[in-house]
Each structure stands twice: as structure tokens, then as C-alpha cells.
Amino acid sequence: MRLFLTSDTPIMGHMVTKAPIVSVVIPVYQTGSILLDAVDSALAQVGVEVEVIVCNDGSDDDPTVHALKEAEQRGAHVINALHAGVSATRNAACQAARGRYILPLDADDRIEPTFAQQASEVLDARPEVGIVSSVGRYFGESDATFGTGPFDMGRMLHENIIAATAAFRRDDWEVVGGYCEDLPVLEDYALWLRLIRLGREVEILPEQLFWYRQWPGQVTRNPSNWHGPQALIFAENHELFARFAAEYVDFQYKRSELLKHYRNRYGPFDHLLHEARKFVNRQREKLRGS
């Protein structure tokens, strides 16, 4: 399989005559049963030249091997690599990308058909913008929306508020050294802060263009995995925290005031949660008895 495609490389029975504008990069590790949902959503992009690169992070289970073959038949470019983690896998896919812009997509998520087009139009028109995100919606265990704008730098320094699926410039990825391969989680957060340190702005598209799957056992849903990575990210970005100290403190102050408001109105949160659990249990008993 090829890491780089030339203008005369045949794909799916036709010739590639135009370099893509957006490269959708999909890392995959042992998630073959749902990979094709992500691949199909990437291949369905409209209004802009797109290539889809799937990088296999050493998966050797039958469902993933079969899904990788199917993804290649549908038009994706597949790269096989030794198991090295999501950061190294995304970096390998970005290195192989020919597009001006990168749009990462995890193998268990999906995007709407106009995400690549809308993101590339913003990046084309506004050179100061380096990250283009969108409103997202959970699916699986929840259907809540998230990531609504406007972007808040103070909150961004407190926690990652940009989904892993957000478009950025390939040149910027190269300048900042790509994804940090020392981080088992929060690698996307580290990349966003590196790009912001370059002086890049963040644009959040108002439409819901990203679907984030929730399922039991996700690494990103276990905060105990975040402590070490968060410390590394803070150390790497101490100058950024200093530059936006006013915004960070303002966010923390507003957060503290909001917490005081709810405590004064509803009492201690542990008591509120206890009462909420009692209410839910009573409703369950009523349902069982009906």
C-alpha cells in the first residue's frame, strides 16, 4: 500500500487528477465493527476535493482486517503500521496526507457531508484561523449536543472544549511537531494549544456537523487517566496560561460564582444528588409495580 499518492495513481478504477483540499484521517485500532460508518461519512463529503486515509494502528483482529479491506474497496487509502497509539497513528496519517487541510475523525464517530467543505471555506477565507470545529452531538448512550460557540479561551485553558474532529492546516501541524506521542489521552487538547500558541484563532461552525459515539469503557471517559497528561500539557503551555491569565481567572471566577449560586439555592450538591437518586429510585419502583 502507498503512503503517498501521485497524480497518476489509479484509485477504484479511475485516475486521481486533482490534489485533495481536505484529507480526512482516521486512526483505527480493533474497532472494525464500526469503522465503515466513519469511512462512509468521510467518503460522502460534498463540495470539496477530499481524500480519506485510514491508518491501522496494528490491528490484527478479523473484524478490523475485513473492514480495512472493505474501506479500501470503497475508496479510502489504507496504511498499516505497528501498534504505537492514537497520536503516532494520526501523525502517520497526517504525514501521508496530500491535502492542505487535515480533518481527523475517530473510527467510532461520524461527520455530516458538508463538514469538510464548510471548514475549508473558513480556512481559505481567514488566514488567521487555524482550527475549525463545529457543534457536535453524542450518539449511543446519549444524544446531547456539545461544542456550541462562541469560543472561550479562559474555558479552553481549564478544559478541552474542541472536539478531536476539527480541521487544521497541514503546514501548521508540521510546524508544531504534530500530535504529542507521549500522551495516551488528551493528545488533541495538546495539539489545539500548540496551534493557539502559534497565534491561530478558533472558529466554531454553528451547524451540528459532528457525531461523537459514546460507549462503555471509553478511555476518554475515565478522568483518572487525565492527571499525568494534564500536568504535561500545563507545563508545555505555561506561557500560554500567562498570556491569557485574565481570561483564565475570569472564567474561574464566573464558575465559582455560579457554583455558589446553586449551593445557596439548592444546598450542598451531595445532598442534591442524594435526593435526586432517591427520586429516580422511587420512580423505578413505581414503574415496576405498574
C-alpha atoms as a PDB file:
ATOM      1  CA  MET A   1       0.000   0.000   0.000  1.00  0.00           C
ATOM      2  CA  ARG A   2       1.182   3.534  -0.740  1.00  0.00           C
ATOM      3  CA  LEU A   3       1.893   6.202   1.817  1.00  0.00           C
ATOM      4  CA  PHE A   4       1.886   8.909  -0.839  1.00  0.00           C
ATOM      5  CA  LEU A   5      -0.212   9.028  -3.985  1.00  0.00           C
ATOM      6  CA  THR A   6       0.849  10.737  -7.172  1.00  0.00           C
ATOM      7  CA  SER A   7      -1.411  12.438  -9.669  1.00  0.00           C
ATOM      8  CA  ASP A   8      -1.464   9.334 -11.877  1.00  0.00           C
ATOM      9  CA  THR A   9      -2.199   6.803  -9.153  1.00  0.00           C
ATOM     10  CA  PRO A  10      -5.280   4.727 -10.098  1.00  0.00           C
ATOM     11  CA  ILE A  11      -7.925   4.501  -7.381  1.00  0.00           C
ATOM     12  CA  MET A  12     -11.127   2.497  -7.647  1.00  0.00           C
ATOM     13  CA  GLY A  13     -10.911   2.270 -11.437  1.00  0.00           C
ATOM     14  CA  HIS A  14     -10.280   5.964 -12.184  1.00  0.00           C
ATOM     15  CA  MET A  15      -7.304   8.316 -12.175  1.00  0.00           C
ATOM     16  CA  VAL A  16      -6.602  10.885  -9.478  1.00  0.00           C
ATOM     17  CA  THR A  17      -6.110  14.091 -11.458  1.00  0.00           C
ATOM     18  CA  LYS A  18      -6.528  16.664  -8.730  1.00  0.00           C
ATOM     19  CA  ALA A  19      -4.835  17.011  -5.362  1.00  0.00           C
ATOM     20  CA  PRO A  20      -7.345  16.965  -2.491  1.00  0.00           C
ATOM     21  CA  ILE A  21      -8.008  20.073  -0.463  1.00  0.00           C
ATOM     22  CA  VAL A  22      -9.008  18.184   2.690  1.00  0.00           C
ATOM     23  CA  SER A  23      -7.518  14.940   3.986  1.00  0.00           C
ATOM     24  CA  VAL A  24      -9.810  13.097   6.407  1.00  0.00           C
ATOM     25  CA  VAL A  25      -7.539  10.931   8.573  1.00  0.00           C
ATOM     26  CA  ILE A  26      -8.990   8.014  10.525  1.00  0.00           C
ATOM     27  CA  PRO A  27      -6.887   6.042  13.043  1.00  0.00           C
ATOM     28  CA  VAL A  28      -8.234   2.594  13.854  1.00  0.00           C
ATOM     29  CA  TYR A  29      -7.357   0.015  16.481  1.00  0.00           C
ATOM     30  CA  GLN A  30      -9.514  -3.088  16.887  1.00  0.00           C
ATOM     31  CA  THR A  31     -12.761  -1.240  16.100  1.00  0.00           C
ATOM     32  CA  GLY A  32     -13.513  -2.834  12.755  1.00  0.00           C
ATOM     33  CA  SER A  33     -17.161  -3.482  13.575  1.00  0.00           C
ATOM     34  CA  ILE A  34     -17.942   0.256  13.395  1.00  0.00           C
ATOM     35  CA  LEU A  35     -15.094   1.587  11.218  1.00  0.00           C
ATOM     36  CA  LEU A  36     -17.110   1.643   7.998  1.00  0.00           C
ATOM     37  CA  ASP A  37     -19.635   4.082   9.486  1.00  0.00           C
ATOM     38  CA  ALA A  38     -16.823   6.608   9.883  1.00  0.00           C
ATOM     39  CA  VAL A  39     -15.305   5.815   6.480  1.00  0.00           C
ATOM     40  CA  ASP A  40     -18.625   6.154   4.664  1.00  0.00           C
ATOM     41  CA  SER A  41     -19.333   9.520   6.314  1.00  0.00           C
ATOM     42  CA  ALA A  42     -15.888  10.741   5.215  1.00  0.00           C
ATOM     43  CA  LEU A  43     -16.308   9.461   1.654  1.00  0.00           C
ATOM     44  CA  ALA A  44     -19.712  11.179   1.478  1.00  0.00           C
ATOM     45  CA  GLN A  45     -18.213  14.686   1.749  1.00  0.00           C
ATOM     46  CA  VAL A  46     -19.507  17.094  -0.897  1.00  0.00           C
ATOM     47  CA  GLY A  47     -18.422  20.408  -2.375  1.00  0.00           C
ATOM     48  CA  VAL A  48     -14.652  19.972  -1.964  1.00  0.00           C
ATOM     49  CA  GLU A  49     -11.905  17.587  -3.092  1.00  0.00           C
ATOM     50  CA  VAL A  50     -11.365  15.086  -0.259  1.00  0.00           C
ATOM     51  CA  GLU A  51      -9.155  12.065   0.335  1.00  0.00           C
ATOM     52  CA  VAL A  52      -9.788   9.571   3.119  1.00  0.00           C
ATOM     53  CA  ILE A  53      -6.784   7.983   4.827  1.00  0.00           C
ATOM     54  CA  VAL A  54      -7.305   5.119   7.275  1.00  0.00           C
ATOM     55  CA  CYS A  55      -4.249   4.287   9.384  1.00  0.00           C
ATOM     56  CA  ASN A  56      -4.332   0.890  11.064  1.00  0.00           C
ATOM     57  CA  ASP A  57      -2.631   1.006  14.464  1.00  0.00           C
ATOM     58  CA  GLY A  58      -1.504  -2.623  14.371  1.00  0.00           C
ATOM     59  CA  SER A  59      -4.988  -4.163  14.457  1.00  0.00           C
ATOM     60  CA  ASP A  60      -4.981  -7.852  13.556  1.00  0.00           C
ATOM     61  CA  ASP A  61      -8.452  -8.996  14.635  1.00  0.00           C
ATOM     62  CA  ASP A  62     -10.662 -10.419  11.887  1.00  0.00           C
ATOM     63  CA  PRO A  63     -13.426  -7.744  12.009  1.00  0.00           C
ATOM     64  CA  THR A  64     -10.916  -4.909  11.628  1.00  0.00           C
ATOM     65  CA  VAL A  65      -8.878  -6.651   8.930  1.00  0.00           C
ATOM     66  CA  HIS A  66     -12.078  -7.279   6.971  1.00  0.00           C
ATOM     67  CA  ALA A  67     -13.292  -3.689   7.480  1.00  0.00           C
ATOM     68  CA  LEU A  68      -9.933  -2.291   6.291  1.00  0.00           C
ATOM     69  CA  LYS A  69     -10.181  -4.291   3.073  1.00  0.00           C
ATOM     70  CA  GLU A  70     -13.741  -3.080   2.570  1.00  0.00           C
ATOM     71  CA  ALA A  71     -12.732   0.530   3.289  1.00  0.00           C
ATOM     72  CA  GLU A  72     -10.042   0.292   0.615  1.00  0.00           C
ATOM     73  CA  GLN A  73     -12.524  -1.116  -1.880  1.00  0.00           C
ATOM     74  CA  ARG A  74     -14.879   1.794  -1.172  1.00  0.00           C
ATOM     75  CA  GLY A  75     -12.171   4.356  -1.949  1.00  0.00           C
ATOM     76  CA  ALA A  76     -10.170   5.007   1.217  1.00  0.00           C
ATOM     77  CA  HIS A  77      -6.362   4.822   1.294  1.00  0.00           C
ATOM     78  CA  VAL A  78      -5.254   2.331   3.962  1.00  0.00           C
ATOM     79  CA  ILE A  79      -1.915   2.464   5.789  1.00  0.00           C
ATOM     80  CA  ASN A  80      -0.783  -0.374   8.038  1.00  0.00           C
ATOM     81  CA  ALA A  81       1.537   0.435  10.930  1.00  0.00           C
ATOM     82  CA  LEU A  82       2.864  -1.208  14.078  1.00  0.00           C
ATOM     83  CA  HIS A  83       0.795  -0.574  17.195  1.00  0.00           C
ATOM     84  CA  ALA A  84       2.015   2.744  18.613  1.00  0.00           C
ATOM     85  CA  GLY A  85      -1.081   4.533  19.958  1.00  0.00           C
ATOM     86  CA  VAL A  86      -3.500   7.076  18.586  1.00  0.00           C
ATOM     87  CA  SER A  87      -1.085  10.025  18.445  1.00  0.00           C
ATOM     88  CA  ALA A  88       1.535   8.178  16.396  1.00  0.00           C
ATOM     89  CA  THR A  89      -1.190   6.738  14.176  1.00  0.00           C
ATOM     90  CA  ARG A  90      -2.735  10.157  13.494  1.00  0.00           C
ATOM     91  CA  ASN A  91       0.729  11.564  12.796  1.00  0.00           C
ATOM     92  CA  ALA A  92       1.431   8.797  10.271  1.00  0.00           C
ATOM     93  CA  ALA A  93      -1.849   9.539   8.508  1.00  0.00           C
ATOM     94  CA  CYS A  94      -1.142  13.297   8.501  1.00  0.00           C
ATOM     95  CA  GLN A  95       2.321  12.646   7.090  1.00  0.00           C
ATOM     96  CA  ALA A  96       0.753  10.719   4.215  1.00  0.00           C
ATOM     97  CA  ALA A  97      -1.899  13.378   3.606  1.00  0.00           C
ATOM     98  CA  ARG A  98      -1.786  15.429   0.409  1.00  0.00           C
ATOM     99  CA  GLY A  99      -4.473  17.923   1.377  1.00  0.00           C
ATOM    100  CA  ARG A 100      -3.846  21.495   2.518  1.00  0.00           C
ATOM    101  CA  TYR A 101      -6.157  20.862   5.432  1.00  0.00           C
ATOM    102  CA  ILE A 102      -6.462  17.917   7.821  1.00  0.00           C
ATOM    103  CA  LEU A 103      -9.737  16.735   9.315  1.00  0.00           C
ATOM    104  CA  PRO A 104      -9.176  13.946  11.870  1.00  0.00           C
ATOM    105  CA  LEU A 105     -12.017  11.535  12.514  1.00  0.00           C
ATOM    106  CA  ASP A 106     -12.002   8.720  15.052  1.00  0.00           C
ATOM    107  CA  ALA A 107     -13.069   5.295  13.827  1.00  0.00           C
ATOM    108  CA  ASP A 108     -16.164   5.246  16.050  1.00  0.00           C
ATOM    109  CA  ASP A 109     -17.503   8.690  15.075  1.00  0.00           C
ATOM    110  CA  ARG A 110     -19.163  10.278  12.022  1.00  0.00           C
ATOM    111  CA  ILE A 111     -19.319  13.612  10.217  1.00  0.00           C
ATOM    112  CA  GLU A 112     -22.022  15.293   8.159  1.00  0.00           C
ATOM    113  CA  PRO A 113     -21.464  15.595   4.352  1.00  0.00           C
ATOM    114  CA  THR A 114     -20.637  19.335   4.394  1.00  0.00           C
ATOM    115  CA  PHE A 115     -18.133  19.424   7.261  1.00  0.00           C
ATOM    116  CA  ALA A 116     -15.017  19.380   5.044  1.00  0.00           C
ATOM    117  CA  GLN A 117     -16.453  21.983   2.664  1.00  0.00           C
ATOM    118  CA  GLN A 118     -17.510  24.418   5.373  1.00  0.00           C
ATOM    119  CA  ALA A 119     -14.240  24.068   7.280  1.00  0.00           C
ATOM    120  CA  SER A 120     -12.109  24.545   4.154  1.00  0.00           C
ATOM    121  CA  GLU A 121     -14.068  27.655   3.173  1.00  0.00           C
ATOM    122  CA  VAL A 122     -13.299  29.251   6.553  1.00  0.00           C
ATOM    123  CA  LEU A 123      -9.617  28.304   6.348  1.00  0.00           C
ATOM    124  CA  ASP A 124      -9.424  29.625   2.763  1.00  0.00           C
ATOM    125  CA  ALA A 125     -11.034  32.950   3.609  1.00  0.00           C
ATOM    126  CA  ARG A 126      -9.454  33.640   7.004  1.00  0.00           C
ATOM    127  CA  PRO A 127      -5.706  33.005   7.292  1.00  0.00           C
ATOM    128  CA  GLU A 128      -5.763  33.939  10.978  1.00  0.00           C
ATOM    129  CA  VAL A 129      -7.962  30.906  11.744  1.00  0.00           C
ATOM    130  CA  GLY A 130      -6.096  27.683  12.410  1.00  0.00           C
ATOM    131  CA  ILE A 131      -8.779  25.428  13.922  1.00  0.00           C
ATOM    132  CA  VAL A 132     -12.327  24.941  12.656  1.00  0.00           C
ATOM    133  CA  SER A 133     -14.668  22.942  14.869  1.00  0.00           C
ATOM    134  CA  SER A 134     -18.438  22.502  14.825  1.00  0.00           C
ATOM    135  CA  VAL A 135     -21.329  21.808  17.116  1.00  0.00           C
ATOM    136  CA  GLY A 136     -21.364  18.109  17.951  1.00  0.00           C
ATOM    137  CA  ARG A 137     -23.948  15.623  19.125  1.00  0.00           C
ATOM    138  CA  TYR A 138     -23.480  12.444  21.109  1.00  0.00           C
ATOM    139  CA  PHE A 139     -24.981   9.180  19.934  1.00  0.00           C
ATOM    140  CA  GLY A 140     -25.075   5.767  21.531  1.00  0.00           C
ATOM    141  CA  GLU A 141     -25.624   6.317  25.257  1.00  0.00           C
ATOM    142  CA  SER A 142     -26.621   9.996  24.949  1.00  0.00           C
ATOM    143  CA  ASP A 143     -27.992  12.418  22.372  1.00  0.00           C
ATOM    144  CA  ALA A 144     -26.949  15.745  23.938  1.00  0.00           C
ATOM    145  CA  THR A 145     -25.263  18.463  21.897  1.00  0.00           C
ATOM    146  CA  PHE A 146     -21.899  19.977  22.797  1.00  0.00           C
ATOM    147  CA  GLY A 147     -19.274  22.386  21.477  1.00  0.00           C
ATOM    148  CA  THR A 148     -21.542  25.354  20.881  1.00  0.00           C
ATOM    149  CA  GLY A 149     -19.848  28.736  20.429  1.00  0.00           C
ATOM    150  CA  PRO A 150     -18.524  31.254  20.895  1.00  0.00           C
ATOM    151  CA  PHE A 151     -15.030  30.045  21.677  1.00  0.00           C
ATOM    152  CA  ASP A 152     -13.885  30.932  25.217  1.00  0.00           C
ATOM    153  CA  MET A 153     -10.100  30.985  25.755  1.00  0.00           C
ATOM    154  CA  GLY A 154     -10.465  31.060  29.533  1.00  0.00           C
ATOM    155  CA  ARG A 155     -12.534  27.891  29.488  1.00  0.00           C
ATOM    156  CA  MET A 156     -10.169  26.317  26.947  1.00  0.00           C
ATOM    157  CA  LEU A 157      -7.297  26.642  29.420  1.00  0.00           C
ATOM    158  CA  HIS A 158      -9.451  24.962  32.060  1.00  0.00           C
ATOM    159  CA  GLU A 159     -10.538  22.054  29.856  1.00  0.00           C
ATOM    160  CA  ASN A 160     -10.569  20.956  26.236  1.00  0.00           C
ATOM    161  CA  ILE A 161     -13.676  22.363  24.536  1.00  0.00           C
ATOM    162  CA  ILE A 162     -12.692  21.474  20.960  1.00  0.00           C
ATOM    163  CA  ALA A 163     -13.596  18.010  19.697  1.00  0.00           C
ATOM    164  CA  ALA A 164     -10.841  15.802  18.288  1.00  0.00           C
ATOM    165  CA  THR A 165     -12.607  16.189  14.948  1.00  0.00           C
ATOM    166  CA  ALA A 166     -11.704  19.742  13.921  1.00  0.00           C
ATOM    167  CA  ALA A 167      -9.957  20.909  10.762  1.00  0.00           C
ATOM    168  CA  PHE A 168      -6.498  22.472  10.754  1.00  0.00           C
ATOM    169  CA  ARG A 169      -3.744  23.345   8.275  1.00  0.00           C
ATOM    170  CA  ARG A 170      -1.281  20.601   7.422  1.00  0.00           C
ATOM    171  CA  ASP A 171       1.547  23.170   7.405  1.00  0.00           C
ATOM    172  CA  ASP A 172       0.678  24.179  10.976  1.00  0.00           C
ATOM    173  CA  TRP A 173       0.637  20.531  12.064  1.00  0.00           C
ATOM    174  CA  GLU A 174       4.170  20.192  10.740  1.00  0.00           C
ATOM    175  CA  VAL A 175       5.403  23.418  12.370  1.00  0.00           C
ATOM    176  CA  VAL A 176       4.217  22.431  15.874  1.00  0.00           C
ATOM    177  CA  GLY A 177       5.509  18.865  15.619  1.00  0.00           C
ATOM    178  CA  GLY A 178       2.155  17.149  15.209  1.00  0.00           C
ATOM    179  CA  TYR A 179       0.348  15.229  17.937  1.00  0.00           C
ATOM    180  CA  CYS A 180       2.356  14.609  21.116  1.00  0.00           C
ATOM    181  CA  GLU A 181       3.148  10.891  21.091  1.00  0.00           C
ATOM    182  CA  ASP A 182       3.947  10.885  24.823  1.00  0.00           C
ATOM    183  CA  LEU A 183       0.274  11.422  25.709  1.00  0.00           C
ATOM    184  CA  PRO A 184      -2.061   8.395  25.942  1.00  0.00           C
ATOM    185  CA  VAL A 185      -5.089  10.744  26.187  1.00  0.00           C
ATOM    186  CA  LEU A 186      -5.768  14.470  25.635  1.00  0.00           C
ATOM    187  CA  GLU A 187      -3.432  14.432  22.633  1.00  0.00           C
ATOM    188  CA  ASP A 188      -5.936  16.514  20.681  1.00  0.00           C
ATOM    189  CA  TYR A 189      -6.063  19.092  23.518  1.00  0.00           C
ATOM    190  CA  ALA A 190      -2.276  19.356  23.396  1.00  0.00           C
ATOM    191  CA  LEU A 191      -2.351  19.914  19.622  1.00  0.00           C
ATOM    192  CA  TRP A 192      -5.014  22.624  19.856  1.00  0.00           C
ATOM    193  CA  LEU A 193      -2.978  24.541  22.441  1.00  0.00           C
ATOM    194  CA  ARG A 194       0.137  24.208  20.295  1.00  0.00           C
ATOM    195  CA  LEU A 195      -1.740  25.701  17.352  1.00  0.00           C
ATOM    196  CA  ILE A 196      -3.151  28.502  19.510  1.00  0.00           C
ATOM    197  CA  ARG A 197       0.401  29.255  20.652  1.00  0.00           C
ATOM    198  CA  LEU A 198       1.209  29.925  17.000  1.00  0.00           C
ATOM    199  CA  GLY A 199      -1.340  32.733  17.139  1.00  0.00           C
ATOM    200  CA  ARG A 200      -4.076  30.804  15.348  1.00  0.00           C
ATOM    201  CA  GLU A 201      -7.715  31.585  16.097  1.00  0.00           C
ATOM    202  CA  VAL A 202     -10.548  29.110  16.600  1.00  0.00           C
ATOM    203  CA  GLU A 203     -13.796  29.140  14.610  1.00  0.00           C
ATOM    204  CA  ILE A 204     -16.799  27.066  15.692  1.00  0.00           C
ATOM    205  CA  LEU A 205     -19.263  26.339  12.909  1.00  0.00           C
ATOM    206  CA  PRO A 206     -22.827  26.862  14.160  1.00  0.00           C
ATOM    207  CA  GLU A 207     -24.236  23.745  12.494  1.00  0.00           C
ATOM    208  CA  GLN A 208     -24.162  20.304  14.088  1.00  0.00           C
ATOM    209  CA  LEU A 209     -21.736  18.526  11.744  1.00  0.00           C
ATOM    210  CA  PHE A 210     -20.030  16.031  14.062  1.00  0.00           C
ATOM    211  CA  TRP A 211     -21.373  12.875  15.736  1.00  0.00           C
ATOM    212  CA  TYR A 212     -19.493  11.538  18.776  1.00  0.00           C
ATOM    213  CA  ARG A 213     -20.205   7.947  19.755  1.00  0.00           C
ATOM    214  CA  GLN A 214     -20.458   7.113  23.450  1.00  0.00           C
ATOM    215  CA  TRP A 215     -19.963   3.541  24.600  1.00  0.00           C
ATOM    216  CA  PRO A 216     -18.931   1.807  27.857  1.00  0.00           C
ATOM    217  CA  GLY A 217     -15.225   1.511  28.535  1.00  0.00           C
ATOM    218  CA  GLN A 218     -14.027   4.528  26.527  1.00  0.00           C
ATOM    219  CA  VAL A 219     -10.601   5.667  27.750  1.00  0.00           C
ATOM    220  CA  THR A 220     -11.568   9.323  27.376  1.00  0.00           C
ATOM    221  CA  ARG A 221     -14.459   8.884  29.813  1.00  0.00           C
ATOM    222  CA  ASN A 222     -12.182   7.938  32.733  1.00  0.00           C
ATOM    223  CA  PRO A 223     -10.824  11.140  34.346  1.00  0.00           C
ATOM    224  CA  SER A 224      -8.278   9.118  36.357  1.00  0.00           C
ATOM    225  CA  ASN A 225      -6.364   8.729  33.082  1.00  0.00           C
ATOM    226  CA  TRP A 226      -6.034  12.507  32.662  1.00  0.00           C
ATOM    227  CA  HIS A 227      -3.904  13.633  35.621  1.00  0.00           C
ATOM    228  CA  GLY A 228      -0.461  12.941  34.175  1.00  0.00           C
ATOM    229  CA  PRO A 229      -1.299  14.218  30.668  1.00  0.00           C
ATOM    230  CA  GLN A 230      -2.888  17.369  32.090  1.00  0.00           C
ATOM    231  CA  ALA A 231       0.282  18.105  34.053  1.00  0.00           C
ATOM    232  CA  LEU A 232       2.415  17.680  30.933  1.00  0.00           C
ATOM    233  CA  ILE A 233       0.083  19.918  28.924  1.00  0.00           C
ATOM    234  CA  PHE A 234       0.176  22.618  31.620  1.00  0.00           C
ATOM    235  CA  ALA A 235       3.978  22.500  31.746  1.00  0.00           C
ATOM    236  CA  GLU A 236       4.270  22.774  27.976  1.00  0.00           C
ATOM    237  CA  ASN A 237       1.855  25.711  27.822  1.00  0.00           C
ATOM    238  CA  HIS A 238       2.797  27.774  30.889  1.00  0.00           C
ATOM    239  CA  GLU A 239       3.488  30.784  28.665  1.00  0.00           C
ATOM    240  CA  LEU A 240       0.021  30.459  27.138  1.00  0.00           C
ATOM    241  CA  PHE A 241      -1.548  30.443  30.609  1.00  0.00           C
ATOM    242  CA  ALA A 242       0.436  33.587  31.420  1.00  0.00           C
ATOM    243  CA  ARG A 243      -0.608  35.304  28.185  1.00  0.00           C
ATOM    244  CA  PHE A 244      -4.308  34.607  28.815  1.00  0.00           C
ATOM    245  CA  ALA A 245      -4.193  34.844  32.611  1.00  0.00           C
ATOM    246  CA  ALA A 246      -7.005  37.434  32.719  1.00  0.00           C
ATOM    247  CA  GLU A 247      -9.331  35.244  30.629  1.00  0.00           C
ATOM    248  CA  TYR A 248      -8.480  32.154  32.686  1.00  0.00           C
ATOM    249  CA  VAL A 249      -9.072  33.896  36.019  1.00  0.00           C
ATOM    250  CA  ASP A 250     -12.300  35.459  34.719  1.00  0.00           C
ATOM    251  CA  PHE A 251     -13.605  32.031  33.706  1.00  0.00           C
ATOM    252  CA  GLN A 252     -12.687  30.520  37.089  1.00  0.00           C
ATOM    253  CA  TYR A 253     -14.347  33.437  38.915  1.00  0.00           C
ATOM    254  CA  LYS A 254     -17.579  33.074  36.935  1.00  0.00           C
ATOM    255  CA  ARG A 255     -17.514  29.325  37.508  1.00  0.00           C
ATOM    256  CA  SER A 256     -17.025  29.834  41.246  1.00  0.00           C
ATOM    257  CA  GLU A 257     -19.849  32.379  41.423  1.00  0.00           C
ATOM    258  CA  LEU A 258     -22.190  30.033  39.554  1.00  0.00           C
ATOM    259  CA  LEU A 259     -21.319  27.230  41.949  1.00  0.00           C
ATOM    260  CA  LYS A 260     -22.057  29.478  44.920  1.00  0.00           C
ATOM    261  CA  HIS A 261     -25.400  30.420  43.376  1.00  0.00           C
ATOM    262  CA  TYR A 262     -26.505  26.805  43.048  1.00  0.00           C
ATOM    263  CA  ARG A 263     -25.245  25.921  46.508  1.00  0.00           C
ATOM    264  CA  ASN A 264     -27.164  28.823  48.039  1.00  0.00           C
ATOM    265  CA  ARG A 265     -30.303  27.941  46.116  1.00  0.00           C
ATOM    266  CA  TYR A 266     -30.268  24.145  46.337  1.00  0.00           C
ATOM    267  CA  GLY A 267     -27.942  23.375  49.219  1.00  0.00           C
ATOM    268  CA  PRO A 268     -24.827  21.211  49.072  1.00  0.00           C
ATOM    269  CA  PHE A 269     -24.514  19.255  45.848  1.00  0.00           C
ATOM    270  CA  ASP A 270     -24.013  15.921  47.611  1.00  0.00           C
ATOM    271  CA  HIS A 271     -27.396  16.342  49.319  1.00  0.00           C
ATOM    272  CA  LEU A 272     -28.982  17.343  45.990  1.00  0.00           C
ATOM    273  CA  LEU A 273     -27.538  14.286  44.271  1.00  0.00           C
ATOM    274  CA  HIS A 274     -28.701  12.056  47.107  1.00  0.00           C
ATOM    275  CA  GLU A 275     -32.236  13.387  46.815  1.00  0.00           C
ATOM    276  CA  ALA A 276     -32.140  13.018  43.022  1.00  0.00           C
ATOM    277  CA  ARG A 277     -31.105   9.371  43.340  1.00  0.00           C
ATOM    278  CA  LYS A 278     -33.930   8.750  45.826  1.00  0.00           C
ATOM    279  CA  PHE A 279     -36.419  10.311  43.410  1.00  0.00           C
ATOM    280  CA  VAL A 280     -35.168   8.188  40.481  1.00  0.00           C
ATOM    281  CA  ASN A 281     -35.347   5.018  42.598  1.00  0.00           C
ATOM    282  CA  ARG A 282     -38.925   5.841  43.657  1.00  0.00           C
ATOM    283  CA  GLN A 283     -39.920   6.288  40.005  1.00  0.00           C
ATOM    284  CA  ARG A 284     -38.347   2.953  39.104  1.00  0.00           C
ATOM    285  CA  GLU A 285     -40.258   1.206  41.874  1.00  0.00           C
ATOM    286  CA  LYS A 286     -43.498   2.773  40.650  1.00  0.00           C
ATOM    287  CA  LEU A 287     -42.802   1.540  37.133  1.00  0.00           C
ATOM    288  CA  ARG A 288     -42.047  -1.966  38.350  1.00  0.00           C
ATOM    289  CA  GLY A 289     -45.291  -2.019  40.356  1.00  0.00           C
ATOM    290  CA  SER A 290     -47.465  -0.759  37.486  1.00  0.00           C
END
